[in-house]
């Protein structure tokens, strides 16, 4: 039989997991919905042609992935040191 404090802690943990999963899932879904339309937006904003718009979209995505990987490595290295 679990104590009341254990049940309360379990309920809080479960709510946190559900909230994080919902936020992550909705963010992933929304990014995958608008990302294909980004070159069209860049054409309206001022990209000279389709190739230039695609270059900026793919370049910014690649740069964001590199920054994310670098920050993950830094966090991982810091956690190993401590």
N, C-alpha and C. Protein backbone atom coordinates (compact mmCIF):
# COMPACT_ATOMS: atom_id res chain seq x y z
N UNK A 1 0.84 -1.18 0.00
CA UNK A 1 0.00 0.00 0.00
C UNK A 1 0.88 1.24 0.00
N UNK A 2 0.62 2.15 -0.94
CA UNK A 2 1.44 3.37 -1.06
C UNK A 2 0.93 4.44 -0.11
N UNK A 3 1.84 5.26 0.35
CA UNK A 3 1.46 6.38 1.20
C UNK A 3 0.89 7.50 0.35
N UNK A 4 0.20 8.41 1.01
CA UNK A 4 -0.40 9.53 0.29
C UNK A 4 0.65 10.38 -0.41
N UNK A 5 1.78 10.60 0.21
CA UNK A 5 2.80 11.44 -0.42
C UNK A 5 3.36 10.78 -1.67
N UNK A 6 3.47 9.45 -1.66
CA UNK A 6 3.94 8.75 -2.85
C UNK A 6 2.92 8.85 -3.98
N UNK A 7 1.64 8.75 -3.65
CA UNK A 7 0.60 8.88 -4.67
C UNK A 7 0.59 10.28 -5.25
N UNK A 8 0.75 11.28 -4.42
CA UNK A 8 0.77 12.66 -4.89
C UNK A 8 1.98 12.91 -5.79
N UNK A 9 3.12 12.39 -5.38
CA UNK A 9 4.33 12.55 -6.20
C UNK A 9 4.17 11.84 -7.54
N UNK A 10 3.55 10.67 -7.53
CA UNK A 10 3.32 9.94 -8.77
C UNK A 10 2.38 10.71 -9.70
N UNK A 11 1.35 11.31 -9.13
CA UNK A 11 0.40 12.09 -9.93
C UNK A 11 1.07 13.32 -10.54
N UNK A 12 1.91 13.99 -9.77
CA UNK A 12 2.63 15.16 -10.29
C UNK A 12 3.59 14.73 -11.40
N UNK A 13 4.29 13.64 -11.19
CA UNK A 13 5.22 13.13 -12.20
C UNK A 13 4.46 12.78 -13.48
N UNK A 14 3.34 12.12 -13.34
CA UNK A 14 2.56 11.73 -14.51
C UNK A 14 2.05 12.95 -15.28
N UNK A 15 1.57 13.98 -14.57
CA UNK A 15 1.13 15.21 -15.23
C UNK A 15 2.27 15.89 -15.97
N UNK A 16 3.45 15.89 -15.36
CA UNK A 16 4.60 16.51 -16.00
C UNK A 16 4.98 15.76 -17.28
N UNK A 17 4.96 14.45 -17.23
CA UNK A 17 5.29 13.65 -18.41
C UNK A 17 4.28 13.90 -19.52
N UNK A 18 3.01 13.95 -19.19
CA UNK A 18 1.97 14.20 -20.19
C UNK A 18 2.12 15.60 -20.77
N UNK A 19 2.41 16.58 -19.95
CA UNK A 19 2.59 17.95 -20.43
C UNK A 19 3.78 18.06 -21.37
N UNK A 20 4.90 17.45 -21.01
CA UNK A 20 6.09 17.50 -21.85
C UNK A 20 5.85 16.76 -23.16
N UNK A 21 5.22 15.60 -23.09
CA UNK A 21 4.93 14.84 -24.31
C UNK A 21 3.99 15.60 -25.23
N UNK A 22 2.99 16.26 -24.67
CA UNK A 22 2.06 17.05 -25.48
C UNK A 22 2.76 18.23 -26.13
N UNK A 23 3.58 18.94 -25.37
CA UNK A 23 4.29 20.09 -25.92
C UNK A 23 5.26 19.65 -27.02
N UNK A 24 5.99 18.58 -26.79
CA UNK A 24 6.95 18.10 -27.78
C UNK A 24 6.24 17.62 -29.04
N UNK A 25 5.19 16.88 -28.88
CA UNK A 25 4.45 16.36 -30.03
C UNK A 25 3.81 17.46 -30.85
N UNK A 26 3.18 18.43 -30.19
CA UNK A 26 2.54 19.51 -30.94
C UNK A 26 3.57 20.39 -31.63
N UNK A 27 4.71 20.63 -30.99
CA UNK A 27 5.76 21.43 -31.62
C UNK A 27 6.31 20.71 -32.85
N UNK A 28 6.56 19.44 -32.73
CA UNK A 28 7.06 18.67 -33.86
C UNK A 28 6.06 18.67 -35.01
N UNK A 29 4.81 18.50 -34.71
CA UNK A 29 3.77 18.51 -35.73
C UNK A 29 3.71 19.86 -36.44
N UNK A 30 3.72 20.93 -35.67
CA UNK A 30 3.62 22.26 -36.27
C UNK A 30 4.84 22.61 -37.12
N UNK A 31 6.02 22.23 -36.69
CA UNK A 31 7.21 22.49 -37.50
C UNK A 31 7.13 21.72 -38.81
N UNK A 32 6.68 20.49 -38.77
CA UNK A 32 6.57 19.71 -39.99
C UNK A 32 5.47 20.20 -40.91
N UNK A 33 4.52 20.96 -40.39
CA UNK A 33 3.46 21.51 -41.23
C UNK A 33 3.94 22.76 -41.95
N UNK A 34 4.60 23.68 -41.25
CA UNK A 34 4.97 24.95 -41.90
C UNK A 34 6.29 24.93 -42.63
N UNK A 35 7.18 24.00 -42.32
CA UNK A 35 8.50 23.98 -42.93
C UNK A 35 8.47 23.85 -44.46
N UNK A 36 7.61 23.01 -45.05
CA UNK A 36 7.60 22.93 -46.52
C UNK A 36 7.17 24.23 -47.22
N UNK A 37 6.46 25.10 -46.52
CA UNK A 37 6.00 26.34 -47.13
C UNK A 37 6.98 27.50 -46.94
N UNK A 38 8.05 27.29 -46.24
CA UNK A 38 9.02 28.35 -45.97
C UNK A 38 9.66 28.91 -47.24
N UNK A 39 10.03 28.13 -48.24
CA UNK A 39 10.57 28.73 -49.46
C UNK A 39 9.58 29.67 -50.16
N UNK A 40 8.30 29.34 -50.12
CA UNK A 40 7.30 30.22 -50.73
C UNK A 40 7.23 31.55 -49.99
N UNK A 41 7.34 31.51 -48.67
CA UNK A 41 7.36 32.74 -47.89
C UNK A 41 8.59 33.58 -48.22
N UNK A 42 9.74 32.93 -48.35
CA UNK A 42 10.96 33.66 -48.67
C UNK A 42 10.88 34.30 -50.05
N UNK A 43 10.19 33.66 -51.00
CA UNK A 43 10.00 34.27 -52.31
C UNK A 43 9.18 35.55 -52.20
N UNK A 44 8.18 35.56 -51.33
CA UNK A 44 7.36 36.76 -51.14
C UNK A 44 8.12 37.85 -50.42
N UNK A 45 9.00 37.46 -49.51
CA UNK A 45 9.73 38.44 -48.72
C UNK A 45 10.84 39.11 -49.54
N UNK A 46 11.40 38.39 -50.50
CA UNK A 46 12.42 39.04 -51.30
C UNK A 46 13.51 38.17 -51.86
N UNK A 47 13.38 36.86 -51.78
CA UNK A 47 14.39 35.99 -52.39
C UNK A 47 14.31 36.17 -53.91
N UNK A 48 15.46 36.16 -54.58
CA UNK A 48 15.50 36.47 -56.01
C UNK A 48 14.87 35.38 -56.87
N UNK A 49 15.08 34.13 -56.50
CA UNK A 49 14.49 33.03 -57.25
C UNK A 49 14.29 31.83 -56.33
N UNK A 50 13.73 30.76 -56.89
CA UNK A 50 13.44 29.58 -56.07
C UNK A 50 14.70 28.94 -55.50
N UNK A 51 15.79 28.96 -56.28
CA UNK A 51 17.04 28.36 -55.80
C UNK A 51 17.58 29.12 -54.59
N UNK A 52 17.48 30.44 -54.61
CA UNK A 52 17.96 31.24 -53.48
C UNK A 52 17.10 30.99 -52.24
N UNK A 53 15.80 30.89 -52.43
CA UNK A 53 14.90 30.63 -51.30
C UNK A 53 15.21 29.26 -50.69
N UNK A 54 15.39 28.27 -51.53
CA UNK A 54 15.69 26.93 -51.04
C UNK A 54 17.05 26.89 -50.34
N UNK A 55 18.02 27.64 -50.89
CA UNK A 55 19.34 27.71 -50.27
C UNK A 55 19.24 28.25 -48.84
N UNK A 56 18.46 29.31 -48.64
CA UNK A 56 18.35 29.90 -47.31
C UNK A 56 17.61 28.98 -46.35
N UNK A 57 16.60 28.29 -46.84
CA UNK A 57 15.85 27.37 -45.98
C UNK A 57 16.74 26.21 -45.54
N UNK A 58 17.40 25.59 -46.49
CA UNK A 58 18.23 24.43 -46.15
C UNK A 58 19.47 24.84 -45.36
N UNK A 59 20.03 26.00 -45.66
CA UNK A 59 21.19 26.49 -44.92
C UNK A 59 20.86 26.79 -43.47
N UNK A 60 19.72 27.42 -43.25
CA UNK A 60 19.34 27.75 -41.87
C UNK A 60 19.00 26.48 -41.09
N UNK A 61 18.39 25.51 -41.76
CA UNK A 61 18.08 24.25 -41.09
C UNK A 61 19.37 23.52 -40.71
N UNK A 62 20.33 23.50 -41.62
CA UNK A 62 21.61 22.84 -41.33
C UNK A 62 22.34 23.53 -40.19
N UNK A 63 22.33 24.86 -40.20
CA UNK A 63 23.00 25.60 -39.12
C UNK A 63 22.33 25.33 -37.78
N UNK A 64 21.01 25.28 -37.77
CA UNK A 64 20.29 25.01 -36.52
C UNK A 64 20.62 23.62 -35.99
N UNK A 65 20.73 22.66 -36.88
CA UNK A 65 21.07 21.29 -36.45
C UNK A 65 22.48 21.23 -35.89
N UNK A 66 23.41 21.98 -36.51
CA UNK A 66 24.80 22.00 -36.01
C UNK A 66 24.87 22.62 -34.62
N UNK A 67 24.13 23.71 -34.41
CA UNK A 67 24.12 24.36 -33.10
C UNK A 67 23.51 23.44 -32.05
N UNK A 68 22.45 22.75 -32.42
CA UNK A 68 21.81 21.82 -31.49
C UNK A 68 22.75 20.69 -31.11
N UNK A 69 23.44 20.13 -32.09
CA UNK A 69 24.38 19.04 -31.79
C UNK A 69 25.52 19.52 -30.91
N UNK A 70 26.03 20.72 -31.21
CA UNK A 70 27.14 21.25 -30.41
C UNK A 70 26.71 21.49 -28.97
N UNK A 71 25.51 22.02 -28.78
CA UNK A 71 25.06 22.27 -27.42
C UNK A 71 24.81 20.96 -26.67
N UNK A 72 24.32 19.94 -27.36
CA UNK A 72 24.12 18.64 -26.71
C UNK A 72 25.45 18.04 -26.29
N UNK A 73 26.46 18.18 -27.16
CA UNK A 73 27.78 17.65 -26.81
C UNK A 73 28.36 18.39 -25.61
N UNK A 74 28.16 19.71 -25.56
CA UNK A 74 28.69 20.48 -24.44
C UNK A 74 28.02 20.08 -23.13
N UNK A 75 26.71 19.89 -23.17
CA UNK A 75 25.97 19.47 -21.97
C UNK A 75 26.41 18.08 -21.55
N UNK A 76 26.58 17.20 -22.51
CA UNK A 76 27.00 15.84 -22.22
C UNK A 76 28.40 15.82 -21.60
N UNK A 77 29.31 16.61 -22.16
CA UNK A 77 30.67 16.67 -21.62
C UNK A 77 30.68 17.26 -20.21
N UNK A 78 29.84 18.27 -19.97
CA UNK A 78 29.77 18.87 -18.65
C UNK A 78 29.20 17.89 -17.62
N UNK A 79 28.22 17.10 -18.04
CA UNK A 79 27.64 16.14 -17.09
C UNK A 79 28.61 15.00 -16.78
N UNK A 80 29.48 14.66 -17.73
CA UNK A 80 30.46 13.61 -17.48
C UNK A 80 31.53 14.08 -16.51
N UNK A 81 31.86 15.37 -16.56
CA UNK A 81 32.88 15.92 -15.67
C UNK A 81 32.43 15.98 -14.22
N UNK A 82 31.13 16.18 -14.03
CA UNK A 82 30.66 16.33 -12.64
C UNK A 82 30.29 15.02 -11.99
